[in-house]
Full PDB file with SEQRES, HELIX, SHEET, SSBOND, CRYST1, ORIGX, SCALE, CONECT and MASTER records, all heavy atoms in Angstrom:
SEQRES   1 A   30  GLU HIS HIS LEU TYR PRO ASP LEU PRO SER ASN ARG LEU          
SEQRES   2 A   30  HIS GLU ILE SER ILE ARG VAL GLN GLN LEU CYS ASP LYS          
SEQRES   3 A   30  TYR ASP LEU PRO                                              
HELIX    1 AA1 SER A   10  ARG A   12  5                                   3    
HELIX    2 AA2 LEU A   13  LYS A   26  1                                  14    
CRYST1    1.000    1.000    1.000  90.00  90.00  90.00 P 1           1          
ORIGX1      1.000000  0.000000  0.000000        0.00000                         
ORIGX2      0.000000  1.000000  0.000000        0.00000                         
ORIGX3      0.000000  0.000000  1.000000        0.00000                         
SCALE1      1.000000  0.000000  0.000000        0.00000                         
SCALE2      0.000000  1.000000  0.000000        0.00000                         
SCALE3      0.000000  0.000000  1.000000        0.00000                         
ATOM      1  N   GLU A   1      -5.341 -59.889  86.273  1.00  0.00           N  
ATOM      2  CA  GLU A   1      -5.765 -60.129  84.891  1.00  0.00           C  
ATOM      3  C   GLU A   1      -4.646 -59.796  83.904  1.00  0.00           C  
ATOM      4  O   GLU A   1      -4.476 -60.487  82.893  1.00  0.00           O  
ATOM      5  CB  GLU A   1      -7.005 -59.287  84.582  1.00  0.00           C  
ATOM      6  CG  GLU A   1      -8.265 -59.749  85.296  1.00  0.00           C  
ATOM      7  CD  GLU A   1      -8.305 -59.420  86.791  1.00  0.00           C  
ATOM      8  OE1 GLU A   1      -7.569 -58.502  87.224  1.00  0.00           O  
ATOM      9  OE2 GLU A   1      -9.070 -60.067  87.524  1.00  0.00           O  
ATOM     10  N   HIS A   2      -3.887 -58.740  84.191  1.00  0.00           N  
ATOM     11  CA  HIS A   2      -2.771 -58.386  83.316  1.00  0.00           C  
ATOM     12  C   HIS A   2      -1.727 -59.490  83.281  1.00  0.00           C  
ATOM     13  O   HIS A   2      -1.157 -59.792  82.231  1.00  0.00           O  
ATOM     14  CB  HIS A   2      -2.136 -57.077  83.784  1.00  0.00           C  
ATOM     15  CG  HIS A   2      -0.853 -56.748  83.079  1.00  0.00           C  
ATOM     16  ND1 HIS A   2      -0.778 -56.553  81.714  1.00  0.00           N  
ATOM     17  CD2 HIS A   2       0.421 -56.599  83.542  1.00  0.00           C  
ATOM     18  CE1 HIS A   2       0.473 -56.287  81.375  1.00  0.00           C  
ATOM     19  NE2 HIS A   2       1.219 -56.322  82.455  1.00  0.00           N  
ATOM     20  N   HIS A   3      -1.488 -60.127  84.424  1.00  0.00           N  
ATOM     21  CA  HIS A   3      -0.497 -61.203  84.448  1.00  0.00           C  
ATOM     22  C   HIS A   3      -1.022 -62.477  83.792  1.00  0.00           C  
ATOM     23  O   HIS A   3      -0.233 -63.270  83.262  1.00  0.00           O  
ATOM     24  CB  HIS A   3      -0.036 -61.477  85.883  1.00  0.00           C  
ATOM     25  CG  HIS A   3       1.200 -60.715  86.230  1.00  0.00           C  
ATOM     26  ND1 HIS A   3       2.460 -61.247  86.106  1.00  0.00           N  
ATOM     27  CD2 HIS A   3       1.371 -59.443  86.654  1.00  0.00           C  
ATOM     28  CE1 HIS A   3       3.360 -60.340  86.458  1.00  0.00           C  
ATOM     29  NE2 HIS A   3       2.724 -59.240  86.788  1.00  0.00           N  
ATOM     30  N   LEU A   4      -2.310 -62.669  83.808  1.00  0.00           N  
ATOM     31  CA  LEU A   4      -2.882 -63.809  83.089  1.00  0.00           C  
ATOM     32  C   LEU A   4      -2.829 -63.582  81.580  1.00  0.00           C  
ATOM     33  O   LEU A   4      -2.565 -64.509  80.812  1.00  0.00           O  
ATOM     34  CB  LEU A   4      -4.340 -64.020  83.519  1.00  0.00           C  
ATOM     35  CG  LEU A   4      -4.573 -64.565  84.922  1.00  0.00           C  
ATOM     36  CD1 LEU A   4      -6.058 -64.499  85.277  1.00  0.00           C  
ATOM     37  CD2 LEU A   4      -4.068 -66.003  85.044  1.00  0.00           C  
ATOM     38  N   TYR A   5      -3.063 -62.331  81.166  1.00  0.00           N  
ATOM     39  CA  TYR A   5      -3.147 -61.997  79.738  1.00  0.00           C  
ATOM     40  C   TYR A   5      -2.353 -60.710  79.459  1.00  0.00           C  
ATOM     41  O   TYR A   5      -2.936 -59.659  79.159  1.00  0.00           O  
ATOM     42  CB  TYR A   5      -4.604 -61.799  79.332  1.00  0.00           C  
ATOM     43  CG  TYR A   5      -5.543 -62.894  79.778  1.00  0.00           C  
ATOM     44  CD1 TYR A   5      -6.484 -62.668  80.788  1.00  0.00           C  
ATOM     45  CD2 TYR A   5      -5.497 -64.152  79.189  1.00  0.00           C  
ATOM     46  CE1 TYR A   5      -7.350 -63.665  81.192  1.00  0.00           C  
ATOM     47  CE2 TYR A   5      -6.363 -65.161  79.581  1.00  0.00           C  
ATOM     48  CZ  TYR A   5      -7.290 -64.917  80.591  1.00  0.00           C  
ATOM     49  OH  TYR A   5      -8.140 -65.913  80.986  1.00  0.00           O  
ATOM     50  N   PRO A   6      -1.033 -60.761  79.542  1.00  0.00           N  
ATOM     51  CA  PRO A   6      -0.244 -59.525  79.398  1.00  0.00           C  
ATOM     52  C   PRO A   6      -0.339 -58.866  78.039  1.00  0.00           C  
ATOM     53  O   PRO A   6      -0.043 -57.669  77.912  1.00  0.00           O  
ATOM     54  CB  PRO A   6       1.190 -59.993  79.698  1.00  0.00           C  
ATOM     55  CG  PRO A   6       1.178 -61.474  79.470  1.00  0.00           C  
ATOM     56  CD  PRO A   6      -0.189 -61.932  79.837  1.00  0.00           C  
ATOM     57  N   ASP A   7      -0.758 -59.610  77.012  1.00  0.00           N  
ATOM     58  CA  ASP A   7      -0.816 -59.040  75.661  1.00  0.00           C  
ATOM     59  C   ASP A   7      -2.236 -58.748  75.190  1.00  0.00           C  
ATOM     60  O   ASP A   7      -2.447 -58.440  74.012  1.00  0.00           O  
ATOM     61  CB  ASP A   7      -0.122 -59.979  74.665  1.00  0.00           C  
ATOM     62  CG  ASP A   7      -0.743 -61.366  74.629  1.00  0.00           C  
ATOM     63  OD1 ASP A   7      -1.508 -61.707  75.558  1.00  0.00           O  
ATOM     64  OD2 ASP A   7      -0.470 -62.122  73.674  1.00  0.00           O  
ATOM     65  N   LEU A   8      -3.215 -58.809  76.092  1.00  0.00           N  
ATOM     66  CA  LEU A   8      -4.574 -58.419  75.715  1.00  0.00           C  
ATOM     67  C   LEU A   8      -4.789 -56.943  76.043  1.00  0.00           C  
ATOM     68  O   LEU A   8      -4.225 -56.433  77.018  1.00  0.00           O  
ATOM     69  CB  LEU A   8      -5.607 -59.277  76.441  1.00  0.00           C  
ATOM     70  CG  LEU A   8      -5.686 -60.750  76.012  1.00  0.00           C  
ATOM     71  CD1 LEU A   8      -6.855 -61.444  76.706  1.00  0.00           C  
ATOM     72  CD2 LEU A   8      -5.814 -60.896  74.492  1.00  0.00           C  
ATOM     73  N   PRO A   9      -5.593 -56.227  75.249  1.00  0.00           N  
ATOM     74  CA  PRO A   9      -5.758 -54.780  75.428  1.00  0.00           C  
ATOM     75  C   PRO A   9      -6.165 -54.395  76.848  1.00  0.00           C  
ATOM     76  O   PRO A   9      -7.063 -54.998  77.438  1.00  0.00           O  
ATOM     77  CB  PRO A   9      -6.861 -54.432  74.420  1.00  0.00           C  
ATOM     78  CG  PRO A   9      -6.734 -55.469  73.356  1.00  0.00           C  
ATOM     79  CD  PRO A   9      -6.346 -56.730  74.081  1.00  0.00           C  
ATOM     80  N   SER A  10      -5.520 -53.358  77.345  1.00  0.00           N  
ATOM     81  CA  SER A  10      -5.743 -52.931  78.732  1.00  0.00           C  
ATOM     82  C   SER A  10      -7.179 -52.487  78.981  1.00  0.00           C  
ATOM     83  O   SER A  10      -7.696 -52.644  80.095  1.00  0.00           O  
ATOM     84  CB  SER A  10      -4.787 -51.791  79.083  1.00  0.00           C  
ATOM     85  OG  SER A  10      -4.976 -50.691  78.200  1.00  0.00           O  
ATOM     86  N   ASN A  11      -7.843 -51.938  77.963  1.00  0.00           N  
ATOM     87  CA  ASN A  11      -9.215 -51.465  78.153  1.00  0.00           C  
ATOM     88  C   ASN A  11     -10.218 -52.603  78.308  1.00  0.00           C  
ATOM     89  O   ASN A  11     -11.381 -52.356  78.628  1.00  0.00           O  
ATOM     90  CB  ASN A  11      -9.642 -50.561  76.989  1.00  0.00           C  
ATOM     91  CG  ASN A  11      -9.668 -51.296  75.663  1.00  0.00           C  
ATOM     92  OD1 ASN A  11      -8.721 -51.993  75.307  1.00  0.00           O  
ATOM     93  ND2 ASN A  11     -10.758 -51.150  74.912  1.00  0.00           N  
ATOM     94  N   ARG A  12      -9.761 -53.840  78.137  1.00  0.00           N  
ATOM     95  CA  ARG A  12     -10.652 -54.990  78.285  1.00  0.00           C  
ATOM     96  C   ARG A  12     -10.455 -55.713  79.623  1.00  0.00           C  
ATOM     97  O   ARG A  12     -11.167 -56.679  79.915  1.00  0.00           O  
ATOM     98  CB  ARG A  12     -10.435 -55.984  77.140  1.00  0.00           C  
ATOM     99  CG  ARG A  12     -10.515 -55.362  75.746  1.00  0.00           C  
ATOM    100  CD  ARG A  12     -11.899 -54.824  75.423  1.00  0.00           C  
ATOM    101  NE  ARG A  12     -12.878 -55.872  75.256  1.00  0.00           N  
ATOM    102  CZ  ARG A  12     -13.080 -56.527  74.109  1.00  0.00           C  
ATOM    103  NH1 ARG A  12     -12.363 -56.221  73.033  1.00  0.00           N  
ATOM    104  NH2 ARG A  12     -14.006 -57.449  74.029  1.00  0.00           N  
ATOM    105  N   LEU A  13      -9.478 -55.271  80.408  1.00  0.00           N  
ATOM    106  CA  LEU A  13      -9.158 -55.995  81.644  1.00  0.00           C  
ATOM    107  C   LEU A  13     -10.284 -55.927  82.671  1.00  0.00           C  
ATOM    108  O   LEU A  13     -10.484 -56.867  83.440  1.00  0.00           O  
ATOM    109  CB  LEU A  13      -7.853 -55.471  82.256  1.00  0.00           C  
ATOM    110  CG  LEU A  13      -6.578 -55.735  81.453  1.00  0.00           C  
ATOM    111  CD1 LEU A  13      -5.353 -55.194  82.193  1.00  0.00           C  
ATOM    112  CD2 LEU A  13      -6.404 -57.230  81.174  1.00  0.00           C  
ATOM    113  N   HIS A  14     -11.019 -54.834  82.691  1.00  0.00           N  
ATOM    114  CA  HIS A  14     -12.099 -54.719  83.675  1.00  0.00           C  
ATOM    115  C   HIS A  14     -13.167 -55.778  83.431  1.00  0.00           C  
ATOM    116  O   HIS A  14     -13.624 -56.440  84.372  1.00  0.00           O  
ATOM    117  CB  HIS A  14     -12.707 -53.319  83.636  1.00  0.00           C  
ATOM    118  CG  HIS A  14     -13.808 -53.124  84.641  1.00  0.00           C  
ATOM    119  ND1 HIS A  14     -13.601 -53.228  86.003  1.00  0.00           N  
ATOM    120  CD2 HIS A  14     -15.137 -52.858  84.474  1.00  0.00           C  
ATOM    121  CE1 HIS A  14     -14.743 -53.023  86.640  1.00  0.00           C  
ATOM    122  NE2 HIS A  14     -15.684 -52.811  85.741  1.00  0.00           N  
ATOM    123  N   GLU A  15     -13.574 -55.955  82.173  1.00  0.00           N  
ATOM    124  CA  GLU A  15     -14.583 -56.976  81.892  1.00  0.00           C  
ATOM    125  C   GLU A  15     -14.031 -58.379  82.116  1.00  0.00           C  
ATOM    126  O   GLU A  15     -14.755 -59.281  82.548  1.00  0.00           O  
ATOM    127  CB  GLU A  15     -15.115 -56.827  80.467  1.00  0.00           C  
ATOM    128  CG  GLU A  15     -14.093 -57.058  79.359  1.00  0.00           C  
ATOM    129  CD  GLU A  15     -14.661 -56.811  77.973  1.00  0.00           C  
ATOM    130  OE1 GLU A  15     -15.195 -57.755  77.378  1.00  0.00           O  
ATOM    131  OE2 GLU A  15     -14.560 -55.664  77.499  1.00  0.00           O  
ATOM    132  N   ILE A  16     -12.730 -58.560  81.853  1.00  0.00           N  
ATOM    133  CA  ILE A  16     -12.090 -59.852  82.121  1.00  0.00           C  
ATOM    134  C   ILE A  16     -12.114 -60.149  83.618  1.00  0.00           C  
ATOM    135  O   ILE A  16     -12.319 -61.292  84.039  1.00  0.00           O  
ATOM    136  CB  ILE A  16     -10.647 -59.859  81.593  1.00  0.00           C  
ATOM    137  CG1 ILE A  16     -10.630 -59.837  80.058  1.00  0.00           C  
ATOM    138  CG2 ILE A  16      -9.874 -61.080  82.101  1.00  0.00           C  
ATOM    139  CD1 ILE A  16      -9.242 -59.652  79.463  1.00  0.00           C  
ATOM    140  N   SER A  17     -11.925 -59.112  84.432  1.00  0.00           N  
ATOM    141  CA  SER A  17     -11.827 -59.308  85.885  1.00  0.00           C  
ATOM    142  C   SER A  17     -13.099 -59.914  86.471  1.00  0.00           C  
ATOM    143  O   SER A  17     -13.045 -60.686  87.439  1.00  0.00           O  
ATOM    144  CB  SER A  17     -11.517 -57.981  86.584  1.00  0.00           C  
ATOM    145  OG  SER A  17     -12.634 -57.102  86.560  1.00  0.00           O  
ATOM    146  N   ILE A  18     -14.244 -59.599  85.892  1.00  0.00           N  
ATOM    147  CA  ILE A  18     -15.508 -60.152  86.388  1.00  0.00           C  
ATOM    148  C   ILE A  18     -15.511 -61.671  86.225  1.00  0.00           C  
ATOM    149  O   ILE A  18     -15.902 -62.417  87.140  1.00  0.00           O  
ATOM    150  CB  ILE A  18     -16.690 -59.505  85.643  1.00  0.00           C  
ATOM    151  CG1 ILE A  18     -16.725 -57.997  85.918  1.00  0.00           C  
ATOM    152  CG2 ILE A  18     -18.013 -60.165  86.044  1.00  0.00           C  
ATOM    153  CD1 ILE A  18     -17.705 -57.238  85.035  1.00  0.00           C  
ATOM    154  N   ARG A  19     -15.045 -62.149  85.083  1.00  0.00           N  
ATOM    155  CA  ARG A  19     -15.021 -63.594  84.822  1.00  0.00           C  
ATOM    156  C   ARG A  19     -13.936 -64.289  85.640  1.00  0.00           C  
ATOM    157  O   ARG A  19     -14.123 -65.435  86.081  1.00  0.00           O  
ATOM    158  CB  ARG A  19     -14.826 -63.832  83.326  1.00  0.00           C  
ATOM    159  CG  ARG A  19     -15.971 -63.274  82.487  1.00  0.00           C  
ATOM    160  CD  ARG A  19     -15.727 -63.390  80.994  1.00  0.00           C  
ATOM    161  NE  ARG A  19     -15.690 -64.777  80.542  1.00  0.00           N  
ATOM    162  CZ  ARG A  19     -15.541 -65.129  79.270  1.00  0.00           C  
ATOM    163  NH1 ARG A  19     -15.417 -64.189  78.327  1.00  0.00           N  
ATOM    164  NH2 ARG A  19     -15.518 -66.410  78.921  1.00  0.00           N  
ATOM    165  N   VAL A  20     -12.807 -63.605  85.862  1.00  0.00           N  
ATOM    166  CA  VAL A  20     -11.741 -64.199  86.672  1.00  0.00           C  
ATOM    167  C   VAL A  20     -12.205 -64.343  88.120  1.00  0.00           C  
ATOM    168  O   VAL A  20     -11.943 -65.365  88.770  1.00  0.00           O  
ATOM    169  CB  VAL A  20     -10.451 -63.354  86.591  1.00  0.00           C  
ATOM    170  CG1 VAL A  20      -9.417 -63.838  87.605  1.00  0.00           C  
ATOM    171  CG2 VAL A  20      -9.864 -63.416  85.182  1.00  0.00           C  
ATOM    172  N   GLN A  21     -12.906 -63.351  88.637  1.00  0.00           N  
ATOM    173  CA  GLN A  21     -13.436 -63.453  89.998  1.00  0.00           C  
ATOM    174  C   GLN A  21     -14.412 -64.615  90.117  1.00  0.00           C  
ATOM    175  O   GLN A  21     -14.441 -65.313  91.142  1.00  0.00           O  
ATOM    176  CB  GLN A  21     -14.121 -62.144  90.392  1.00  0.00           C  
ATOM    177  CG  GLN A  21     -13.158 -60.996  90.633  1.00  0.00           C  
ATOM    178  CD  GLN A  21     -13.878 -59.723  91.035  1.00  0.00           C  
ATOM    179  OE1 GLN A  21     -14.465 -59.629  92.111  1.00  0.00           O  
ATOM    180  NE2 GLN A  21     -13.841 -58.728  90.156  1.00  0.00           N  
ATOM    181  N   GLN A  22     -15.203 -64.831  89.101  1.00  0.00           N  
ATOM    182  CA  GLN A  22     -16.140 -65.962  89.118  1.00  0.00           C  
ATOM    183  C   GLN A  22     -15.388 -67.293  89.166  1.00  0.00           C  
ATOM    184  O   GLN A  22     -15.803 -68.227  89.868  1.00  0.00           O  
ATOM    185  CB  GLN A  22     -17.047 -65.898  87.885  1.00  0.00           C  
ATOM    186  CG  GLN A  22     -18.029 -64.736  87.902  1.00  0.00           C  
ATOM    187  CD  GLN A  22     -18.754 -64.548  86.586  1.00  0.00           C  
ATOM    188  OE1 GLN A  22     -18.372 -65.125  85.556  1.00  0.00           O  
ATOM    189  NE2 GLN A  22     -19.815 -63.746  86.590  1.00  0.00           N  
ATOM    190  N   LEU A  23     -14.284 -67.377  88.436  1.00  0.00           N  
ATOM    191  CA  LEU A  23     -13.470 -68.601  88.476  1.00  0.00           C  
ATOM    192  C   LEU A  23     -12.831 -68.786  89.851  1.00  0.00           C  
ATOM    193  O   LEU A  23     -12.732 -69.921  90.343  1.00  0.00           O  
ATOM    194  CB  LEU A  23     -12.393 -68.554  87.396  1.00  0.00           C  
ATOM    195  CG  LEU A  23     -12.866 -68.737  85.955  1.00  0.00           C  
ATOM    196  CD1 LEU A  23     -11.689 -68.650  84.993  1.00  0.00           C  
ATOM    197  CD2 LEU A  23     -13.581 -70.082  85.787  1.00  0.00           C  
ATOM    198  N   CYS A  24     -12.398 -67.692  90.465  1.00  0.00           N  
ATOM    199  CA  CYS A  24     -11.824 -67.792  91.809  1.00  0.00           C  
ATOM    200  C   CYS A  24     -12.863 -68.325  92.792  1.00  0.00           C  
ATOM    201  O   CYS A  24     -12.549 -69.152  93.651  1.00  0.00           O  
ATOM    202  CB  CYS A  24     -11.298 -66.432  92.270  1.00  0.00           C  
ATOM    203  SG  CYS A  24      -9.764 -65.924  91.454  1.00  0.00           S  
ATOM    204  N   ASP A  25     -14.095 -67.868  92.659  1.00  0.00           N  
ATOM    205  CA  ASP A  25     -15.164 -68.388  93.517  1.00  0.00           C  
ATOM    206  C   ASP A  25     -15.423 -69.870  93.236  1.00  0.00           C  
ATOM    207  O   ASP A  25     -15.606 -70.668  94.166  1.00  0.00           O  
ATOM    208  CB  ASP A  25     -16.452 -67.587  93.289  1.00  0.00           C  
ATOM    209  CG  ASP A  25     -16.374 -66.176  93.847  1.00  0.00           C  
ATOM    210  OD1 ASP A  25     -15.537 -65.933  94.740  1.00  0.00           O  
ATOM    211  OD2 ASP A  25     -17.135 -65.309  93.377  1.00  0.00           O  
ATOM    212  N   LYS A  26     -15.411 -70.231  91.978  1.00  0.00           N  
ATOM    213  CA  LYS A  26     -15.695 -71.618  91.593  1.00  0.00           C  
ATOM    214  C   LYS A  26     -14.647 -72.578  92.153  1.00  0.00           C  
ATOM    215  O   LYS A  26     -14.998 -73.675  92.634  1.00  0.00           O  
ATOM    216  CB  LYS A  26     -15.748 -71.725  90.070  1.00  0.00           C  
ATOM    217  CG  LYS A  26     -15.984 -73.138  89.558  1.00  0.00           C  
ATOM    218  CD  LYS A  26     -16.079 -73.168  88.035  1.00  0.00           C  
ATOM    219  CE  LYS A  26     -16.284 -74.589  87.514  1.00  0.00           C  
ATOM    220  NZ  LYS A  26     -16.407 -74.618  86.032  1.00  0.00           N  
ATOM    221  N   TYR A  27     -13.365 -72.178  92.079  1.00  0.00           N  
ATOM    222  CA  TYR A  27     -12.280 -73.054  92.539  1.00  0.00           C  
ATOM    223  C   TYR A  27     -11.805 -72.719  93.950  1.00  0.00           C  
ATOM    224  O   TYR A  27     -10.799 -73.255  94.406  1.00  0.00           O  
ATOM    225  CB  TYR A  27     -11.112 -72.981  91.549  1.00  0.00           C  
ATOM    226  CG  TYR A  27     -11.429 -73.602  90.207  1.00  0.00           C  
ATOM    227  CD1 TYR A  27     -11.922 -72.829  89.153  1.00  0.00           C  
ATOM    228  CD2 TYR A  27     -11.277 -74.968  89.996  1.00  0.00           C  
ATOM    229  CE1 TYR A  27     -12.244 -73.395  87.928  1.00  0.00           C  
ATOM    230  CE2 TYR A  27     -11.583 -75.547  88.772  1.00  0.00           C  
ATOM    231  CZ  TYR A  27     -12.064 -74.751  87.741  1.00  0.00           C  
ATOM    232  OH  TYR A  27     -12.384 -75.335  86.529  1.00  0.00           O  
ATOM    233  N   ASP A  28     -12.541 -71.862  94.639  1.00  0.00           N  
ATOM    234  CA  ASP A  28     -12.231 -71.465  96.019  1.00  0.00           C  
ATOM    235  C   ASP A  28     -10.798 -70.938  96.136  1.00  0.00           C  
ATOM    236  O   ASP A  28     -10.042 -71.331  97.028  1.00  0.00           O  
ATOM    237  CB  ASP A  28     -12.443 -72.646  96.981  1.00  0.00           C  
ATOM    238  CG  ASP A  28     -12.567 -72.175  98.429  1.00  0.00           C  
ATOM    239  OD1 ASP A  28     -13.053 -71.057  98.645  1.00  0.00           O  
ATOM    240  OD2 ASP A  28     -12.157 -72.929  99.334  1.00  0.00           O  
ATOM    241  N   LEU A  29     -10.453 -70.038  95.221  1.00  0.00           N  
ATOM    242  CA  LEU A  29      -9.141 -69.404  95.226  1.00  0.00           C  
ATOM    243  C   LEU A  29      -9.271 -67.965  95.711  1.00  0.00           C  
ATOM    244  O   LEU A  29     -10.281 -67.307  95.441  1.00  0.00           O  
ATOM    245  CB  LEU A  29      -8.537 -69.404  93.815  1.00  0.00           C  
ATOM    246  CG  LEU A  29      -8.177 -70.766  93.224  1.00  0.00           C  
ATOM    247  CD1 LEU A  29      -7.829 -70.619  91.740  1.00  0.00           C  
ATOM    248  CD2 LEU A  29      -7.014 -71.401  93.984  1.00  0.00           C  
ATOM    249  N   PRO A  30      -8.265 -67.443  96.402  1.00  0.00           N  
ATOM    250  CA  PRO A  30      -8.328 -66.036  96.827  1.00  0.00           C  
ATOM    251  C   PRO A  30      -8.198 -65.105  95.631  1.00  0.00           C  
ATOM    252  O   PRO A  30      -7.499 -65.417  94.663  1.00  0.00           O  
ATOM    253  CB  PRO A  30      -7.129 -65.897  97.769  1.00  0.00           C  
ATOM    254  CG  PRO A  30      -6.192 -66.995  97.375  1.00  0.00           C  
ATOM    255  CD  PRO A  30      -7.042 -68.123  96.878  1.00  0.00           C  
TER     256      PRO A  30                                                      
MASTER        0    0    0    2    0    0    0    6  255    1    0    3          
END                                                                             
């Protein structure tokens, strides 16, 4: 998540990670 959004606040990365994992499932990405 940090590499996707290096300039977004670090305290928000955990909530971002939930949505990124959902996208990985949707596009069958590891």
